[in-house]
């Protein structure tokens, strides 16, 4: 994965949560820019998991990055209700 694309997603204003899809099919959701960091030489990224752990990923094994399409519930009722 091109490190410039990774930086674009991380630094987007406003930030949009995104999902990294690995070549082996695993996915990693990044809910906020604070949960994601790129190494200085751009060979690895760290995704901090909401459960408290972390995953160190080789950028060459990231197959795809896309905005998170999951609709998360909001505290306000839907306009259709």
PDB file of N, CA and C in Angstrom:
ATOM      1  N   UNK A   1       0.854  -1.183   0.000  1.00  0.00           N
ATOM      2  CA  UNK A   1       0.000   0.000   0.000  1.00  0.00           C
ATOM      3  C   UNK A   1       0.890   1.232   0.000  1.00  0.00           C
ATOM      4  N   UNK A   2       0.535   2.177  -0.786  1.00  0.00           N
ATOM      5  CA  UNK A   2       1.256   3.432  -0.881  1.00  0.00           C
ATOM      6  C   UNK A   2       1.092   4.232   0.421  1.00  0.00           C
ATOM      7  N   UNK A   3       2.218   4.620   1.021  1.00  0.00           N
ATOM      8  CA  UNK A   3       2.149   5.322   2.308  1.00  0.00           C
ATOM      9  C   UNK A   3       1.476   6.692   2.195  1.00  0.00           C
ATOM     10  N   UNK A   4       1.505   7.312   1.012  1.00  0.00           N
ATOM     11  CA  UNK A   4       0.825   8.604   0.840  1.00  0.00           C
ATOM     12  C   UNK A   4      -0.695   8.440   0.981  1.00  0.00           C
ATOM     13  N   UNK A   5      -1.225   7.339   0.480  1.00  0.00           N
ATOM     14  CA  UNK A   5      -2.661   7.078   0.615  1.00  0.00           C
ATOM     15  C   UNK A   5      -3.018   6.854   2.080  1.00  0.00           C
ATOM     16  N   UNK A   6      -2.172   6.100   2.793  1.00  0.00           N
ATOM     17  CA  UNK A   6      -2.400   5.867   4.220  1.00  0.00           C
ATOM     18  C   UNK A   6      -2.422   7.191   4.975  1.00  0.00           C
ATOM     19  N   UNK A   7      -1.496   8.074   4.669  1.00  0.00           N
ATOM     20  CA  UNK A   7      -1.446   9.389   5.322  1.00  0.00           C
ATOM     21  C   UNK A   7      -2.669  10.234   4.994  1.00  0.00           C
ATOM     22  N   UNK A   8      -3.139  10.145   3.751  1.00  0.00           N
ATOM     23  CA  UNK A   8      -4.333  10.901   3.363  1.00  0.00           C
ATOM     24  C   UNK A   8      -5.541  10.495   4.207  1.00  0.00           C
ATOM     25  N   UNK A   9      -5.724   9.193   4.394  1.00  0.00           N
ATOM     26  CA  UNK A   9      -6.842   8.720   5.219  1.00  0.00           C
ATOM     27  C   UNK A   9      -6.656   9.148   6.671  1.00  0.00           C
ATOM     28  N   UNK A  10      -5.432   9.014   7.198  1.00  0.00           N
ATOM     29  CA  UNK A  10      -5.175   9.376   8.596  1.00  0.00           C
ATOM     30  C   UNK A  10      -5.377  10.865   8.844  1.00  0.00           C
ATOM     31  N   UNK A  11      -4.953  11.698   7.895  1.00  0.00           N
ATOM     32  CA  UNK A  11      -4.945  13.146   8.102  1.00  0.00           C
ATOM     33  C   UNK A  11      -6.179  13.865   7.553  1.00  0.00           C
ATOM     34  N   UNK A  12      -7.146  13.124   7.031  1.00  0.00           N
ATOM     35  CA  UNK A  12      -8.336  13.744   6.430  1.00  0.00           C
ATOM     36  C   UNK A  12      -9.067  14.622   7.443  1.00  0.00           C
ATOM     37  N   UNK A  13      -9.554  15.761   6.949  1.00  0.00           N
ATOM     38  CA  UNK A  13     -10.349  16.670   7.775  1.00  0.00           C
ATOM     39  C   UNK A  13     -11.651  16.910   7.035  1.00  0.00           C
ATOM     40  N   UNK A  14     -12.790  16.527   7.576  1.00  0.00           N
ATOM     41  CA  UNK A  14     -12.902  15.831   8.849  1.00  0.00           C
ATOM     42  C   UNK A  14     -12.472  14.373   8.699  1.00  0.00           C
ATOM     43  N   UNK A  15     -12.052  13.797   9.805  1.00  0.00           N
ATOM     44  CA  UNK A  15     -11.625  12.406   9.789  1.00  0.00           C
ATOM     45  C   UNK A  15     -12.833  11.503   9.557  1.00  0.00           C
ATOM     46  N   UNK A  16     -12.652  10.492   8.723  1.00  0.00           N
ATOM     47  CA  UNK A  16     -13.661   9.463   8.492  1.00  0.00           C
ATOM     48  C   UNK A  16     -13.053   8.123   8.886  1.00  0.00           C
ATOM     49  N   UNK A  17     -13.716   7.355   9.750  1.00  0.00           N
ATOM     50  CA  UNK A  17     -13.185   6.029  10.087  1.00  0.00           C
ATOM     51  C   UNK A  17     -12.951   5.217   8.813  1.00  0.00           C
ATOM     52  N   UNK A  18     -11.923   4.369   8.843  1.00  0.00           N
ATOM     53  CA  UNK A  18     -11.619   3.570   7.662  1.00  0.00           C
ATOM     54  C   UNK A  18     -11.242   2.156   8.055  1.00  0.00           C
ATOM     55  N   UNK A  19     -11.219   1.293   7.039  1.00  0.00           N
ATOM     56  CA  UNK A  19     -10.911  -0.120   7.233  1.00  0.00           C
ATOM     57  C   UNK A  19      -9.731  -0.489   6.347  1.00  0.00           C
ATOM     58  N   UNK A  20      -8.769  -1.179   6.953  1.00  0.00           N
ATOM     59  CA  UNK A  20      -7.648  -1.743   6.203  1.00  0.00           C
ATOM     60  C   UNK A  20      -7.966  -3.211   5.945  1.00  0.00           C
ATOM     61  N   UNK A  21      -7.845  -3.647   4.699  1.00  0.00           N
ATOM     62  CA  UNK A  21      -8.040  -5.049   4.347  1.00  0.00           C
ATOM     63  C   UNK A  21      -6.674  -5.608   3.937  1.00  0.00           C
ATOM     64  N   UNK A  22      -6.284  -6.669   4.619  1.00  0.00           N
ATOM     65  CA  UNK A  22      -4.987  -7.285   4.366  1.00  0.00           C
ATOM     66  C   UNK A  22      -5.090  -8.303   3.227  1.00  0.00           C
ATOM     67  N   UNK A  23      -3.950  -8.686   2.662  1.00  0.00           N
ATOM     68  CA  UNK A  23      -3.940  -9.654   1.570  1.00  0.00           C
ATOM     69  C   UNK A  23      -4.472 -11.010   2.008  1.00  0.00           C
ATOM     70  N   UNK A  24      -4.417 -11.331   3.307  1.00  0.00           N
ATOM     71  CA  UNK A  24      -4.931 -12.617   3.798  1.00  0.00           C
ATOM     72  C   UNK A  24      -6.413 -12.536   4.193  1.00  0.00           C
ATOM     73  N   UNK A  25      -7.055 -11.379   3.963  1.00  0.00           N
ATOM     74  CA  UNK A  25      -8.477 -11.232   4.224  1.00  0.00           C
ATOM     75  C   UNK A  25      -8.827 -10.604   5.557  1.00  0.00           C
ATOM     76  N   UNK A  26      -7.864 -10.495   6.476  1.00  0.00           N
ATOM     77  CA  UNK A  26      -8.158  -9.847   7.765  1.00  0.00           C
ATOM     78  C   UNK A  26      -8.472  -8.374   7.534  1.00  0.00           C
ATOM     79  N   UNK A  27      -9.287  -7.817   8.420  1.00  0.00           N
ATOM     80  CA  UNK A  27      -9.605  -6.395   8.338  1.00  0.00           C
ATOM     81  C   UNK A  27      -9.327  -5.740   9.685  1.00  0.00           C
ATOM     82  N   UNK A  28      -8.973  -4.465   9.623  1.00  0.00           N
ATOM     83  CA  UNK A  28      -8.680  -3.680  10.809  1.00  0.00           C
ATOM     84  C   UNK A  28      -9.389  -2.342  10.665  1.00  0.00           C
ATOM     85  N   UNK A  29     -10.299  -2.057  11.597  1.00  0.00           N
ATOM     86  CA  UNK A  29     -11.052  -0.798  11.581  1.00  0.00           C
ATOM     87  C   UNK A  29     -10.280   0.255  12.369  1.00  0.00           C
ATOM     88  N   UNK A  30     -10.184   1.438  11.792  1.00  0.00           N
ATOM     89  CA  UNK A  30      -9.535   2.572  12.446  1.00  0.00           C
ATOM     90  C   UNK A  30     -10.628   3.602  12.733  1.00  0.00           C
ATOM     91  N   UNK A  31     -11.100   3.670  13.986  1.00  0.00           N
ATOM     92  CA  UNK A  31     -12.233   4.551  14.307  1.00  0.00           C
ATOM     93  C   UNK A  31     -11.861   6.023  14.471  1.00  0.00           C
ATOM     94  N   UNK A  32     -10.565   6.287  14.685  1.00  0.00           N
ATOM     95  CA  UNK A  32     -10.092   7.662  14.916  1.00  0.00           C
ATOM     96  C   UNK A  32      -8.609   7.714  14.602  1.00  0.00           C
ATOM     97  N   UNK A  33      -8.123   8.860  14.174  1.00  0.00           N
ATOM     98  CA  UNK A  33      -6.710   8.977  13.782  1.00  0.00           C
ATOM     99  C   UNK A  33      -5.748   8.615  14.920  1.00  0.00           C
ATOM    100  N   UNK A  34      -6.179   8.749  16.178  1.00  0.00           N
ATOM    101  CA  UNK A  34      -5.319   8.402  17.306  1.00  0.00           C
ATOM    102  C   UNK A  34      -5.086   6.895  17.427  1.00  0.00           C
ATOM    103  N   UNK A  35      -5.857   6.106  16.705  1.00  0.00           N
ATOM    104  CA  UNK A  35      -5.728   4.655  16.746  1.00  0.00           C
ATOM    105  C   UNK A  35      -4.792   4.130  15.659  1.00  0.00           C
ATOM    106  N   UNK A  36      -4.117   5.019  14.931  1.00  0.00           N
ATOM    107  CA  UNK A  36      -3.341   4.622  13.752  1.00  0.00           C
ATOM    108  C   UNK A  36      -2.049   5.416  13.686  1.00  0.00           C
ATOM    109  N   UNK A  37      -0.935   4.725  13.483  1.00  0.00           N
ATOM    110  CA  UNK A  37       0.330   5.437  13.280  1.00  0.00           C
ATOM    111  C   UNK A  37       1.151   4.729  12.203  1.00  0.00           C
ATOM    112  N   UNK A  38       1.963   5.522  11.528  1.00  0.00           N
ATOM    113  CA  UNK A  38       2.808   5.035  10.438  1.00  0.00           C
ATOM    114  C   UNK A  38       4.260   5.189  10.873  1.00  0.00           C
ATOM    115  N   UNK A  39       5.053   4.133  10.668  1.00  0.00           N
ATOM    116  CA  UNK A  39       6.464   4.196  11.056  1.00  0.00           C
ATOM    117  C   UNK A  39       7.188   5.249  10.222  1.00  0.00           C
ATOM    118  N   UNK A  40       8.287   5.796  10.733  1.00  0.00           N
ATOM    119  CA  UNK A  40       9.013   6.846  10.004  1.00  0.00           C
ATOM    120  C   UNK A  40       9.473   6.427   8.606  1.00  0.00           C
ATOM    121  N   UNK A  41       9.769   5.150   8.414  1.00  0.00           N
ATOM    122  CA  UNK A  41      10.199   4.716   7.077  1.00  0.00           C
ATOM    123  C   UNK A  41       9.061   4.062   6.292  1.00  0.00           C
ATOM    124  N   UNK A  42       7.854   4.127   6.831  1.00  0.00           N
ATOM    125  CA  UNK A  42       6.621   3.711   6.164  1.00  0.00           C
ATOM    126  C   UNK A  42       6.538   2.223   5.825  1.00  0.00           C
ATOM    127  N   UNK A  43       7.292   1.388   6.493  1.00  0.00           N
ATOM    128  CA  UNK A  43       7.205  -0.055   6.235  1.00  0.00           C
ATOM    129  C   UNK A  43       6.156  -0.744   7.084  1.00  0.00           C
ATOM    130  N   UNK A  44       5.813  -0.137   8.208  1.00  0.00           N
ATOM    131  CA  UNK A  44       4.812  -0.722   9.087  1.00  0.00           C
ATOM    132  C   UNK A  44       3.842   0.349   9.563  1.00  0.00           C
ATOM    133  N   UNK A  45       2.653  -0.110   9.915  1.00  0.00           N
ATOM    134  CA  UNK A  45       1.677   0.742  10.575  1.00  0.00           C
ATOM    135  C   UNK A  45       1.237   0.028  11.842  1.00  0.00           C
ATOM    136  N   UNK A  46       0.792   0.798  12.804  1.00  0.00           N
ATOM    137  CA  UNK A  46       0.254   0.239  14.046  1.00  0.00           C
ATOM    138  C   UNK A  46      -1.200   0.655  14.135  1.00  0.00           C
ATOM    139  N   UNK A  47      -2.057  -0.339  14.359  1.00  0.00           N
ATOM    140  CA  UNK A  47      -3.471  -0.087  14.586  1.00  0.00           C
ATOM    141  C   UNK A  47      -3.741  -0.449  16.040  1.00  0.00           C
ATOM    142  N   UNK A  48      -4.135   0.531  16.827  1.00  0.00           N
ATOM    143  CA  UNK A  48      -4.488   0.300  18.230  1.00  0.00           C
ATOM    144  C   UNK A  48      -5.935  -0.169  18.267  1.00  0.00           C
ATOM    145  N   UNK A  49      -6.151  -1.298  18.897  1.00  0.00           N
ATOM    146  CA  UNK A  49      -7.479  -1.896  18.949  1.00  0.00           C
ATOM    147  C   UNK A  49      -8.280  -1.308  20.094  1.00  0.00           C
ATOM    148  N   UNK A  50      -9.578  -1.202  19.933  1.00  0.00           N
ATOM    149  CA  UNK A  50     -10.433  -0.645  20.977  1.00  0.00           C
ATOM    150  C   UNK A  50     -10.463  -1.540  22.205  1.00  0.00           C
ATOM    151  N   UNK A  51     -10.038  -2.795  22.064  1.00  0.00           N
ATOM    152  CA  UNK A  51      -9.986  -3.718  23.201  1.00  0.00           C
ATOM    153  C   UNK A  51      -8.723  -3.522  24.027  1.00  0.00           C
ATOM    154  N   UNK A  52      -7.832  -2.657  23.574  1.00  0.00           N
ATOM    155  CA  UNK A  52      -6.626  -2.362  24.328  1.00  0.00           C
ATOM    156  C   UNK A  52      -5.351  -2.915  23.730  1.00  0.00           C
ATOM    157  N   UNK A  53      -5.456  -3.833  22.790  1.00  0.00           N
ATOM    158  CA  UNK A  53      -4.270  -4.396  22.151  1.00  0.00           C
ATOM    159  C   UNK A  53      -3.847  -3.550  20.964  1.00  0.00           C
ATOM    160  N   UNK A  54      -2.918  -4.087  20.202  1.00  0.00           N
ATOM    161  CA  UNK A  54      -2.493  -3.411  18.986  1.00  0.00           C
ATOM    162  C   UNK A  54      -2.040  -4.440  17.971  1.00  0.00           C
ATOM    163  N   UNK A  55      -2.042  -4.029  16.716  1.00  0.00           N
ATOM    164  CA  UNK A  55      -1.545  -4.867  15.628  1.00  0.00           C
ATOM    165  C   UNK A  55      -0.527  -4.071  14.848  1.00  0.00           C
ATOM    166  N   UNK A  56       0.615  -4.697  14.579  1.00  0.00           N
ATOM    167  CA  UNK A  56       1.660  -4.091  13.757  1.00  0.00           C
ATOM    168  C   UNK A  56       1.553  -4.746  12.385  1.00  0.00           C
ATOM    169  N   UNK A  57       1.324  -3.935  11.353  1.00  0.00           N
ATOM    170  CA  UNK A  57       1.060  -4.454  10.019  1.00  0.00           C
ATOM    171  C   UNK A  57       2.119  -3.996   9.030  1.00  0.00           C
ATOM    172  N   UNK A  58       2.529  -4.903   8.162  1.00  0.00           N
ATOM    173  CA  UNK A  58       3.447  -4.584   7.078  1.00  0.00           C
ATOM    174  C   UNK A  58       2.647  -3.872   5.990  1.00  0.00           C
ATOM    175  N   UNK A  59       3.071  -2.682   5.593  1.00  0.00           N
ATOM    176  CA  UNK A  59       2.310  -1.913   4.604  1.00  0.00           C
ATOM    177  C   UNK A  59       2.250  -2.623   3.246  1.00  0.00           C
ATOM    178  N   UNK A  60       3.229  -3.476   2.957  1.00  0.00           N
ATOM    179  CA  UNK A  60       3.219  -4.204   1.686  1.00  0.00           C
ATOM    180  C   UNK A  60       2.106  -5.255   1.648  1.00  0.00           C
ATOM    181  N   UNK A  61       1.553  -5.610   2.814  1.00  0.00           N
ATOM    182  CA  UNK A  61       0.501  -6.619   2.876  1.00  0.00           C
ATOM    183  C   UNK A  61      -0.896  -6.019   3.012  1.00  0.00           C
ATOM    184  N   UNK A  62      -0.984  -4.690   2.951  1.00  0.00           N
ATOM    185  CA  UNK A  62      -2.293  -4.032   2.968  1.00  0.00           C
ATOM    186  C   UNK A  62      -2.800  -4.005   1.532  1.00  0.00           C
ATOM    187  N   UNK A  63      -3.893  -4.720   1.289  1.00  0.00           N
ATOM    188  CA  UNK A  63      -4.426  -4.844  -0.065  1.00  0.00           C
ATOM    189  C   UNK A  63      -5.349  -3.686  -0.427  1.00  0.00           C
ATOM    190  N   UNK A  64      -6.060  -3.159   0.579  1.00  0.00           N
ATOM    191  CA  UNK A  64      -7.085  -2.164   0.296  1.00  0.00           C
ATOM    192  C   UNK A  64      -7.338  -1.305   1.522  1.00  0.00           C
ATOM    193  N   UNK A  65      -7.704  -0.062   1.269  1.00  0.00           N
ATOM    194  CA  UNK A  65      -8.137   0.839   2.333  1.00  0.00           C
ATOM    195  C   UNK A  65      -9.401   1.513   1.839  1.00  0.00           C
ATOM    196  N   UNK A  66     -10.407   1.561   2.701  1.00  0.00           N
ATOM    197  CA  UNK A  66     -11.673   2.164   2.286  1.00  0.00           C
ATOM    198  C   UNK A  66     -12.362   2.799   3.479  1.00  0.00           C
ATOM    199  N   UNK A  67     -13.196   3.814   3.223  1.00  0.00           N
ATOM    200  CA  UNK A  67     -13.973   4.409   4.314  1.00  0.00           C
ATOM    201  C   UNK A  67     -14.837   3.337   4.959  1.00  0.00           C
ATOM    202  N   UNK A  68     -15.038   3.438   6.261  1.00  0.00           N
ATOM    203  CA  UNK A  68     -15.875   2.491   6.987  1.00  0.00           C
ATOM    204  C   UNK A  68     -17.322   2.738   6.613  1.00  0.00           C
ATOM    205  N   UNK A  69     -17.988   1.718   6.074  1.00  0.00           N
ATOM    206  CA  UNK A  69     -19.375   1.856   5.619  1.00  0.00           C
ATOM    207  C   UNK A  69     -20.381   1.455   6.677  1.00  0.00           C
ATOM    208  N   UNK A  70     -19.919   1.008   7.828  1.00  0.00           N
ATOM    209  CA  UNK A  70     -20.817   0.565   8.892  1.00  0.00           C
ATOM    210  C   UNK A  70     -21.543   1.770   9.462  1.00  0.00           C
ATOM    211  N   UNK A  71     -22.856   1.669   9.558  1.00  0.00           N
ATOM    212  CA  UNK A  71     -23.650   2.732  10.157  1.00  0.00           C
ATOM    213  C   UNK A  71     -23.689   2.503  11.659  1.00  0.00           C
ATOM    214  N   UNK A  72     -23.167   3.427  12.417  1.00  0.00           N
ATOM    215  CA  UNK A  72     -23.154   3.316  13.871  1.00  0.00           C
ATOM    216  C   UNK A  72     -24.353   4.055  14.431  1.00  0.00           C
ATOM    217  N   UNK A  73     -25.004   3.480  15.444  1.00  0.00           N
ATOM    218  CA  UNK A  73     -26.195   4.139  15.997  1.00  0.00           C
ATOM    219  C   UNK A  73     -25.867   5.507  16.574  1.00  0.00           C
ATOM    220  N   UNK A  74     -26.804   6.403  16.432  1.00  0.00           N
ATOM    221  CA  UNK A  74     -26.627   7.736  17.001  1.00  0.00           C
ATOM    222  C   UNK A  74     -27.609   7.900  18.146  1.00  0.00           C
ATOM    223  N   UNK A  75     -27.408   8.925  18.935  1.00  0.00           N
ATOM    224  CA  UNK A  75     -28.289   9.151  20.078  1.00  0.00           C
ATOM    225  C   UNK A  75     -29.583   9.838  19.675  1.00  0.00           C
ATOM    226  N   UNK A  76     -29.626  10.406  18.461  1.00  0.00           N
ATOM    227  CA  UNK A  76     -30.835  11.090  18.034  1.00  0.00           C
ATOM    228  C   UNK A  76     -31.689  10.167  17.178  1.00  0.00           C
ATOM    229  N   UNK A  77     -32.997  10.295  17.276  1.00  0.00           N
ATOM    230  CA  UNK A  77     -33.888   9.435  16.481  1.00  0.00           C
ATOM    231  C   UNK A  77     -33.801   9.765  15.000  1.00  0.00           C
ATOM    232  N   UNK A  78     -34.110   8.808  14.176  1.00  0.00           N
ATOM    233  CA  UNK A  78     -34.105   8.985  12.726  1.00  0.00           C
ATOM    234  C   UNK A  78     -35.228   9.911  12.317  1.00  0.00           C
ATOM    235  N   UNK A  79     -35.017  10.648  11.250  1.00  0.00           N
ATOM    236  CA  UNK A  79     -36.040  11.553  10.746  1.00  0.00           C
ATOM    237  C   UNK A  79     -37.232  10.777  10.178  1.00  0.00           C
ATOM    238  N   UNK A  80     -37.004   9.486   9.815  1.00  0.00           N
ATOM    239  CA  UNK A  80     -38.054   8.655   9.253  1.00  0.00           C
ATOM    240  C   UNK A  80     -38.963   8.054  10.318  1.00  0.00           C
ATOM    241  N   UNK A  81     -38.583   8.142  11.571  1.00  0.00           N
ATOM    242  CA  UNK A  81     -39.336   7.463  12.642  1.00  0.00           C
ATOM    243  C   UNK A  81     -40.618   8.183  12.969  1.00  0.00           C
TER     244      UNK A  81
END
